[in-house]
Amino acid sequence: MASANAAVVEISQTANKFTASIVLQYENKYIDVKSILGLFTSLLNGGTYELHIHGPDAEEAKKAMLEVFQKHNLQVTLADN
């Protein structure tokens, strides 16, 4: 569980460095990645996630978010915008 906590905190902190909107889609739920509470309830289930990233710094945010998800061995794809 400690590693899941670390993943949630690091993902949220990374997302908060950007002004872009970063939303994680898991099944039929959409979670604001900048919200630690929202992430806790979703990331602990495992599975595949899809990131929706829109905004002025979206390209940089996409790269950073993919890196942090991969670092924590979480499966994530980028949504086609």
PDB file of N, CA and C in Angstrom:
ATOM      1  N   MET A   1       0.829  -1.212   0.000  1.00  0.00           N
ATOM      2  CA  MET A   1       0.000   0.000   0.000  1.00  0.00           C
ATOM      3  C   MET A   1       0.862   1.260   0.000  1.00  0.00           C
ATOM      4  N   ALA A   2       2.020   1.188   0.614  1.00  0.00           N
ATOM      5  CA  ALA A   2       2.899   2.362   0.668  1.00  0.00           C
ATOM      6  C   ALA A   2       3.292   2.809  -0.730  1.00  0.00           C
ATOM      7  N   SER A   3       3.532   1.842  -1.625  1.00  0.00           N
ATOM      8  CA  SER A   3       3.921   2.221  -2.979  1.00  0.00           C
ATOM      9  C   SER A   3       2.758   2.881  -3.721  1.00  0.00           C
ATOM     10  N   ALA A   4       1.540   2.425  -3.446  1.00  0.00           N
ATOM     11  CA  ALA A   4       0.365   3.056  -4.059  1.00  0.00           C
ATOM     12  C   ALA A   4       0.226   4.495  -3.568  1.00  0.00           C
ATOM     13  N   ASN A   5       0.464   4.696  -2.264  1.00  0.00           N
ATOM     14  CA  ASN A   5       0.402   6.048  -1.716  1.00  0.00           C
ATOM     15  C   ASN A   5       1.439   6.944  -2.384  1.00  0.00           C
ATOM     16  N   ALA A   6       2.640   6.427  -2.543  1.00  0.00           N
ATOM     17  CA  ALA A   6       3.711   7.204  -3.178  1.00  0.00           C
ATOM     18  C   ALA A   6       3.336   7.542  -4.617  1.00  0.00           C
ATOM     19  N   ALA A   7       2.744   6.588  -5.318  1.00  0.00           N
ATOM     20  CA  ALA A   7       2.345   6.812  -6.706  1.00  0.00           C
ATOM     21  C   ALA A   7       1.302   7.920  -6.789  1.00  0.00           C
ATOM     22  N   VAL A   8       0.300   7.846  -5.920  1.00  0.00           N
ATOM     23  CA  VAL A   8      -0.775   8.847  -5.924  1.00  0.00           C
ATOM     24  C   VAL A   8      -0.210  10.242  -5.670  1.00  0.00           C
ATOM     25  N   VAL A   9       0.637  10.358  -4.670  1.00  0.00           N
ATOM     26  CA  VAL A   9       1.195  11.664  -4.317  1.00  0.00           C
ATOM     27  C   VAL A   9       2.064  12.197  -5.456  1.00  0.00           C
ATOM     28  N   GLU A  10       2.907  11.351  -6.014  1.00  0.00           N
ATOM     29  CA  GLU A  10       3.796  11.817  -7.077  1.00  0.00           C
ATOM     30  C   GLU A  10       3.027  12.170  -8.348  1.00  0.00           C
ATOM     31  N   ILE A  11       2.018  11.395  -8.686  1.00  0.00           N
ATOM     32  CA  ILE A  11       1.208  11.691  -9.869  1.00  0.00           C
ATOM     33  C   ILE A  11       0.501  13.034  -9.691  1.00  0.00           C
ATOM     34  N   SER A  12      -0.088  13.246  -8.524  1.00  0.00           N
ATOM     35  CA  SER A  12      -0.784  14.499  -8.256  1.00  0.00           C
ATOM     36  C   SER A  12       0.171  15.689  -8.269  1.00  0.00           C
ATOM     37  N   GLN A  13       1.326  15.521  -7.629  1.00  0.00           N
ATOM     38  CA  GLN A  13       2.305  16.622  -7.601  1.00  0.00           C
ATOM     39  C   GLN A  13       2.791  16.953  -8.999  1.00  0.00           C
ATOM     40  N   THR A  14       3.008  15.928  -9.820  1.00  0.00           N
ATOM     41  CA  THR A  14       3.452  16.157 -11.193  1.00  0.00           C
ATOM     42  C   THR A  14       2.375  16.904 -11.975  1.00  0.00           C
ATOM     43  N   ALA A  15       1.141  16.478 -11.833  1.00  0.00           N
ATOM     44  CA  ALA A  15       0.031  17.120 -12.549  1.00  0.00           C
ATOM     45  C   ALA A  15      -0.113  18.587 -12.158  1.00  0.00           C
ATOM     46  N   ASN A  16       0.126  18.880 -10.890  1.00  0.00           N
ATOM     47  CA  ASN A  16      -0.046  20.244 -10.403  1.00  0.00           C
ATOM     48  C   ASN A  16       1.038  21.206 -10.879  1.00  0.00           C
ATOM     49  N   LYS A  17       2.062  20.701 -11.535  1.00  0.00           N
ATOM     50  CA  LYS A  17       3.101  21.571 -12.104  1.00  0.00           C
ATOM     51  C   LYS A  17       2.624  22.223 -13.407  1.00  0.00           C
ATOM     52  N   PHE A  18       1.520  21.724 -13.940  1.00  0.00           N
ATOM     53  CA  PHE A  18       1.037  22.187 -15.239  1.00  0.00           C
ATOM     54  C   PHE A  18      -0.294  22.923 -15.116  1.00  0.00           C
ATOM     55  N   THR A  19      -0.523  23.844 -16.056  1.00  0.00           N
ATOM     56  CA  THR A  19      -1.813  24.529 -16.081  1.00  0.00           C
ATOM     57  C   THR A  19      -2.840  23.723 -16.874  1.00  0.00           C
ATOM     58  N   ALA A  20      -2.361  22.781 -17.678  1.00  0.00           N
ATOM     59  CA  ALA A  20      -3.261  21.962 -18.491  1.00  0.00           C
ATOM     60  C   ALA A  20      -4.240  21.190 -17.610  1.00  0.00           C
ATOM     61  N   SER A  21      -5.402  20.930 -18.167  1.00  0.00           N
ATOM     62  CA  SER A  21      -6.378  20.066 -17.519  1.00  0.00           C
ATOM     63  C   SER A  21      -5.909  18.627 -17.721  1.00  0.00           C
ATOM     64  N   ILE A  22      -5.778  17.874 -16.642  1.00  0.00           N
ATOM     65  CA  ILE A  22      -5.327  16.491 -16.733  1.00  0.00           C
ATOM     66  C   ILE A  22      -6.363  15.619 -16.038  1.00  0.00           C
ATOM     67  N   VAL A  23      -7.055  14.833 -16.839  1.00  0.00           N
ATOM     68  CA  VAL A  23      -8.143  14.008 -16.321  1.00  0.00           C
ATOM     69  C   VAL A  23      -7.839  12.547 -16.635  1.00  0.00           C
ATOM     70  N   LEU A  24      -8.028  11.704 -15.646  1.00  0.00           N
ATOM     71  CA  LEU A  24      -7.797  10.274 -15.791  1.00  0.00           C
ATOM     72  C   LEU A  24      -9.136   9.579 -15.974  1.00  0.00           C
ATOM     73  N   GLN A  25      -9.246   8.802 -17.045  1.00  0.00           N
ATOM     74  CA  GLN A  25     -10.465   8.037 -17.268  1.00  0.00           C
ATOM     75  C   GLN A  25     -10.206   6.598 -16.860  1.00  0.00           C
ATOM     76  N   TYR A  26     -11.064   6.092 -15.983  1.00  0.00           N
ATOM     77  CA  TYR A  26     -10.991   4.703 -15.547  1.00  0.00           C
ATOM     78  C   TYR A  26     -12.393   4.139 -15.645  1.00  0.00           C
ATOM     79  N   GLU A  27     -12.577   3.176 -16.532  1.00  0.00           N
ATOM     80  CA  GLU A  27     -13.905   2.661 -16.840  1.00  0.00           C
ATOM     81  C   GLU A  27     -14.791   3.852 -17.218  1.00  0.00           C
ATOM     82  N   ASN A  28     -15.875   4.093 -16.493  1.00  0.00           N
ATOM     83  CA  ASN A  28     -16.746   5.219 -16.858  1.00  0.00           C
ATOM     84  C   ASN A  28     -16.573   6.404 -15.922  1.00  0.00           C
ATOM     85  N   LYS A  29     -15.478   6.419 -15.167  1.00  0.00           N
ATOM     86  CA  LYS A  29     -15.228   7.511 -14.233  1.00  0.00           C
ATOM     87  C   LYS A  29     -14.164   8.447 -14.788  1.00  0.00           C
ATOM     88  N   TYR A  30     -14.323   9.724 -14.478  1.00  0.00           N
ATOM     89  CA  TYR A  30     -13.324  10.724 -14.854  1.00  0.00           C
ATOM     90  C   TYR A  30     -12.826  11.387 -13.580  1.00  0.00           C
ATOM     91  N   ILE A  31     -11.515  11.341 -13.375  1.00  0.00           N
ATOM     92  CA  ILE A  31     -10.936  11.851 -12.136  1.00  0.00           C
ATOM     93  C   ILE A  31      -9.930  12.944 -12.446  1.00  0.00           C
ATOM     94  N   ASP A  32     -10.030  14.057 -11.748  1.00  0.00           N
ATOM     95  CA  ASP A  32      -9.045  15.129 -11.879  1.00  0.00           C
ATOM     96  C   ASP A  32      -7.755  14.631 -11.230  1.00  0.00           C
ATOM     97  N   VAL A  33      -6.694  14.508 -12.034  1.00  0.00           N
ATOM     98  CA  VAL A  33      -5.433  13.957 -11.544  1.00  0.00           C
ATOM     99  C   VAL A  33      -4.805  14.862 -10.485  1.00  0.00           C
ATOM    100  N   LYS A  34      -5.214  16.118 -10.448  1.00  0.00           N
ATOM    101  CA  LYS A  34      -4.660  17.040  -9.454  1.00  0.00           C
ATOM    102  C   LYS A  34      -5.289  16.825  -8.078  1.00  0.00           C
ATOM    103  N   SER A  35      -6.301  15.972  -8.014  1.00  0.00           N
ATOM    104  CA  SER A  35      -6.994  15.674  -6.752  1.00  0.00           C
ATOM    105  C   SER A  35      -6.471  14.358  -6.175  1.00  0.00           C
ATOM    106  N   ILE A  36      -5.766  14.444  -5.061  1.00  0.00           N
ATOM    107  CA  ILE A  36      -5.210  13.240  -4.440  1.00  0.00           C
ATOM    108  C   ILE A  36      -6.326  12.277  -4.033  1.00  0.00           C
ATOM    109  N   LEU A  37      -7.397  12.783  -3.470  1.00  0.00           N
ATOM    110  CA  LEU A  37      -8.482  11.920  -3.017  1.00  0.00           C
ATOM    111  C   LEU A  37      -9.092  11.136  -4.178  1.00  0.00           C
ATOM    112  N   GLY A  38      -9.322  11.810  -5.296  1.00  0.00           N
ATOM    113  CA  GLY A  38      -9.875  11.132  -6.463  1.00  0.00           C
ATOM    114  C   GLY A  38      -8.964  10.027  -6.958  1.00  0.00           C
ATOM    115  N   LEU A  39      -7.667  10.282  -6.931  1.00  0.00           N
ATOM    116  CA  LEU A  39      -6.703   9.279  -7.382  1.00  0.00           C
ATOM    117  C   LEU A  39      -6.679   8.066  -6.465  1.00  0.00           C
ATOM    118  N   PHE A  40      -6.737   8.287  -5.166  1.00  0.00           N
ATOM    119  CA  PHE A  40      -6.681   7.169  -4.222  1.00  0.00           C
ATOM    120  C   PHE A  40      -7.774   6.156  -4.520  1.00  0.00           C
ATOM    121  N   THR A  41      -8.981   6.629  -4.772  1.00  0.00           N
ATOM    122  CA  THR A  41     -10.097   5.714  -4.967  1.00  0.00           C
ATOM    123  C   THR A  41     -10.022   4.985  -6.298  1.00  0.00           C
ATOM    124  N   SER A  42      -9.242   5.492  -7.245  1.00  0.00           N
ATOM    125  CA  SER A  42      -9.179   4.884  -8.573  1.00  0.00           C
ATOM    126  C   SER A  42      -7.941   4.039  -8.799  1.00  0.00           C
ATOM    127  N   LEU A  43      -6.781   4.553  -8.403  1.00  0.00           N
ATOM    128  CA  LEU A  43      -5.531   3.864  -8.700  1.00  0.00           C
ATOM    129  C   LEU A  43      -5.378   2.560  -7.943  1.00  0.00           C
ATOM    130  N   LEU A  44      -6.053   2.429  -6.820  1.00  0.00           N
ATOM    131  CA  LEU A  44      -5.882   1.234  -6.015  1.00  0.00           C
ATOM    132  C   LEU A  44      -6.581   0.029  -6.628  1.00  0.00           C
ATOM    133  N   ASN A  45      -7.429   0.251  -7.629  1.00  0.00           N
ATOM    134  CA  ASN A  45      -8.155  -0.849  -8.249  1.00  0.00           C
ATOM    135  C   ASN A  45      -7.343  -1.578  -9.306  1.00  0.00           C
ATOM    136  N   GLY A  46      -6.264  -0.956  -9.767  1.00  0.00           N
ATOM    137  CA  GLY A  46      -5.516  -1.552 -10.863  1.00  0.00           C
ATOM    138  C   GLY A  46      -6.287  -1.394 -12.158  1.00  0.00           C
ATOM    139  N   GLY A  47      -5.755  -1.925 -13.230  1.00  0.00           N
ATOM    140  CA  GLY A  47      -6.454  -1.806 -14.503  1.00  0.00           C
ATOM    141  C   GLY A  47      -5.737  -0.865 -15.440  1.00  0.00           C
ATOM    142  N   THR A  48      -6.434  -0.494 -16.485  1.00  0.00           N
ATOM    143  CA  THR A  48      -5.854   0.387 -17.495  1.00  0.00           C
ATOM    144  C   THR A  48      -6.531   1.737 -17.413  1.00  0.00           C
ATOM    145  N   TYR A  49      -5.730   2.764 -17.558  1.00  0.00           N
ATOM    146  CA  TYR A  49      -6.218   4.133 -17.425  1.00  0.00           C
ATOM    147  C   TYR A  49      -5.933   4.903 -18.701  1.00  0.00           C
ATOM    148  N   GLU A  50      -6.739   5.918 -18.935  1.00  0.00           N
ATOM    149  CA  GLU A  50      -6.539   6.775 -20.094  1.00  0.00           C
ATOM    150  C   GLU A  50      -6.461   8.221 -19.624  1.00  0.00           C
ATOM    151  N   LEU A  51      -5.440   8.933 -20.090  1.00  0.00           N
ATOM    152  CA  LEU A  51      -5.261  10.332 -19.707  1.00  0.00           C
ATOM    153  C   LEU A  51      -5.802  11.254 -20.790  1.00  0.00           C
ATOM    154  N   HIS A  52      -6.568  12.236 -20.367  1.00  0.00           N
ATOM    155  CA  HIS A  52      -7.074  13.291 -21.245  1.00  0.00           C
ATOM    156  C   HIS A  52      -6.388  14.582 -20.797  1.00  0.00           C
ATOM    157  N   ILE A  53      -5.536  15.130 -21.659  1.00  0.00           N
ATOM    158  CA  ILE A  53      -4.762  16.312 -21.279  1.00  0.00           C
ATOM    159  C   ILE A  53      -4.981  17.421 -22.297  1.00  0.00           C
ATOM    160  N   HIS A  54      -5.469  18.559 -21.827  1.00  0.00           N
ATOM    161  CA  HIS A  54      -5.756  19.706 -22.695  1.00  0.00           C
ATOM    162  C   HIS A  54      -5.246  20.970 -22.032  1.00  0.00           C
ATOM    163  N   GLY A  55      -4.632  21.844 -22.807  1.00  0.00           N
ATOM    164  CA  GLY A  55      -4.196  23.119 -22.261  1.00  0.00           C
ATOM    165  C   GLY A  55      -2.919  23.603 -22.918  1.00  0.00           C
ATOM    166  N   PRO A  56      -2.473  24.781 -22.510  1.00  0.00           N
ATOM    167  CA  PRO A  56      -1.323  25.423 -23.152  1.00  0.00           C
ATOM    168  C   PRO A  56      -0.021  24.642 -23.010  1.00  0.00           C
ATOM    169  N   ASP A  57       0.133  23.888 -21.939  1.00  0.00           N
ATOM    170  CA  ASP A  57       1.369  23.124 -21.756  1.00  0.00           C
ATOM    171  C   ASP A  57       1.093  21.616 -21.824  1.00  0.00           C
ATOM    172  N   ALA A  58       0.110  21.244 -22.639  1.00  0.00           N
ATOM    173  CA  ALA A  58      -0.319  19.842 -22.727  1.00  0.00           C
ATOM    174  C   ALA A  58       0.804  18.904 -23.168  1.00  0.00           C
ATOM    175  N   GLU A  59       1.625  19.323 -24.126  1.00  0.00           N
ATOM    176  CA  GLU A  59       2.687  18.427 -24.611  1.00  0.00           C
ATOM    177  C   GLU A  59       3.678  18.079 -23.506  1.00  0.00           C
ATOM    178  N   GLU A  60       4.098  19.087 -22.745  1.00  0.00           N
ATOM    179  CA  GLU A  60       5.013  18.838 -21.639  1.00  0.00           C
ATOM    180  C   GLU A  60       4.331  17.989 -20.566  1.00  0.00           C
ATOM    181  N   ALA A  61       3.062  18.266 -20.319  1.00  0.00           N
ATOM    182  CA  ALA A  61       2.316  17.520 -19.301  1.00  0.00           C
ATOM    183  C   ALA A  61       2.184  16.055 -19.701  1.00  0.00           C
ATOM    184  N   LYS A  62       1.916  15.795 -20.975  1.00  0.00           N
ATOM    185  CA  LYS A  62       1.779  14.407 -21.449  1.00  0.00           C
ATOM    186  C   LYS A  62       3.054  13.622 -21.183  1.00  0.00           C
ATOM    187  N   LYS A  63       4.187  14.213 -21.526  1.00  0.00           N
ATOM    188  CA  LYS A  63       5.473  13.542 -21.350  1.00  0.00           C
ATOM    189  C   LYS A  63       5.721  13.247 -19.861  1.00  0.00           C
ATOM    190  N   ALA A  64       5.518  14.238 -19.019  1.00  0.00           N
ATOM    191  CA  ALA A  64       5.766  14.083 -17.585  1.00  0.00           C
ATOM    192  C   ALA A  64       4.815  13.060 -16.964  1.00  0.00           C
ATOM    193  N   MET A  65       3.553  13.089 -17.365  1.00  0.00           N
ATOM    194  CA  MET A  65       2.577  12.179 -16.779  1.00  0.00           C
ATOM    195  C   MET A  65       2.851  10.738 -17.197  1.00  0.00           C
ATOM    196  N   LEU A  66       3.212  10.534 -18.456  1.00  0.00           N
ATOM    197  CA  LEU A  66       3.545   9.173 -18.898  1.00  0.00           C
ATOM    198  C   LEU A  66       4.736   8.631 -18.116  1.00  0.00           C
ATOM    199  N   GLU A  67       5.724   9.485 -17.903  1.00  0.00           N
ATOM    200  CA  GLU A  67       6.920   9.057 -17.161  1.00  0.00           C
ATOM    201  C   GLU A  67       6.575   8.645 -15.734  1.00  0.00           C
ATOM    202  N   VAL A  68       5.747   9.437 -15.059  1.00  0.00           N
ATOM    203  CA  VAL A  68       5.442   9.128 -13.661  1.00  0.00           C
ATOM    204  C   VAL A  68       4.554   7.881 -13.547  1.00  0.00           C
ATOM    205  N   PHE A  69       3.641   7.683 -14.489  1.00  0.00           N
ATOM    206  CA  PHE A  69       2.824   6.458 -14.465  1.00  0.00           C
ATOM    207  C   PHE A  69       3.699   5.236 -14.706  1.00  0.00           C
ATOM    208  N   GLN A  70       4.613   5.332 -15.673  1.00  0.00           N
ATOM    209  CA  GLN A  70       5.499   4.206 -15.979  1.00  0.00           C
ATOM    210  C   GLN A  70       6.419   3.904 -14.800  1.00  0.00           C
ATOM    211  N   LYS A  71       6.892   4.943 -14.140  1.00  0.00           N
ATOM    212  CA  LYS A  71       7.770   4.769 -12.980  1.00  0.00           C
ATOM    213  C   LYS A  71       7.113   3.898 -11.917  1.00  0.00           C
ATOM    214  N   HIS A  72       5.800   4.033 -11.774  1.00  0.00           N
ATOM    215  CA  HIS A  72       5.052   3.285 -10.760  1.00  0.00           C
ATOM    216  C   HIS A  72       4.352   2.049 -11.343  1.00  0.00           C
ATOM    217  N   ASN A  73       4.782   1.660 -12.545  1.00  0.00           N
ATOM    218  CA  ASN A  73       4.238   0.459 -13.179  1.00  0.00           C
ATOM    219  C   ASN A  73       2.718   0.469 -13.333  1.00  0.00           C
ATOM    220  N   LEU A  74       2.186   1.628 -13.684  1.00  0.00           N
ATOM    221  CA  LEU A  74       0.744   1.762 -13.916  1.00  0.00           C
ATOM    222  C   LEU A  74       0.520   1.874 -15.426  1.00  0.00           C
ATOM    223  N   GLN A  75      -0.433   1.092 -15.923  1.00  0.00           N
ATOM    224  CA  GLN A  75      -0.749   1.099 -17.338  1.00  0.00           C
ATOM    225  C   GLN A  75      -1.593   2.335 -17.672  1.00  0.00           C
ATOM    226  N   VAL A  76      -1.118   3.141 -18.594  1.00  0.00           N
ATOM    227  CA  VAL A  76      -1.874   4.333 -18.977  1.00  0.00           C
ATOM    228  C   VAL A  76      -1.668   4.597 -20.457  1.00  0.00           C
ATOM    229  N   THR A  77      -2.711   5.104 -21.102  1.00  0.00           N
ATOM    230  CA  THR A  77      -2.598   5.520 -22.499  1.00  0.00           C
ATOM    231  C   THR A  77      -3.064   6.964 -22.589  1.00  0.00           C
ATOM    232  N   LEU A  78      -2.657   7.633 -23.648  1.00  0.00           N
ATOM    233  CA  LEU A  78      -3.124   8.996 -23.885  1.00  0.00           C
ATOM    234  C   LEU A  78      -4.333   8.950 -24.799  1.00  0.00           C
ATOM    235  N   ALA A  79      -5.367   9.673 -24.417  1.00  0.00           N
ATOM    236  CA  ALA A  79      -6.561   9.757 -25.248  1.00  0.00           C
ATOM    237  C   ALA A  79      -6.256  10.566 -26.489  1.00  0.00           C
ATOM    238  N   ASP A  80      -6.878  10.214 -27.592  1.00  0.00           N
ATOM    239  CA  ASP A  80      -6.736  11.027 -28.803  1.00  0.00           C
ATOM    240  C   ASP A  80      -7.543  12.289 -28.604  1.00  0.00           C
ATOM    241  N   ASN A  81      -6.880  13.420 -28.742  1.00  0.00           N
ATOM    242  CA  ASN A  81      -7.562  14.696 -28.486  1.00  0.00           C
ATOM    243  C   ASN A  81      -8.195  15.224 -29.740  1.00  0.00           C
TER     244      ASN A  81
END
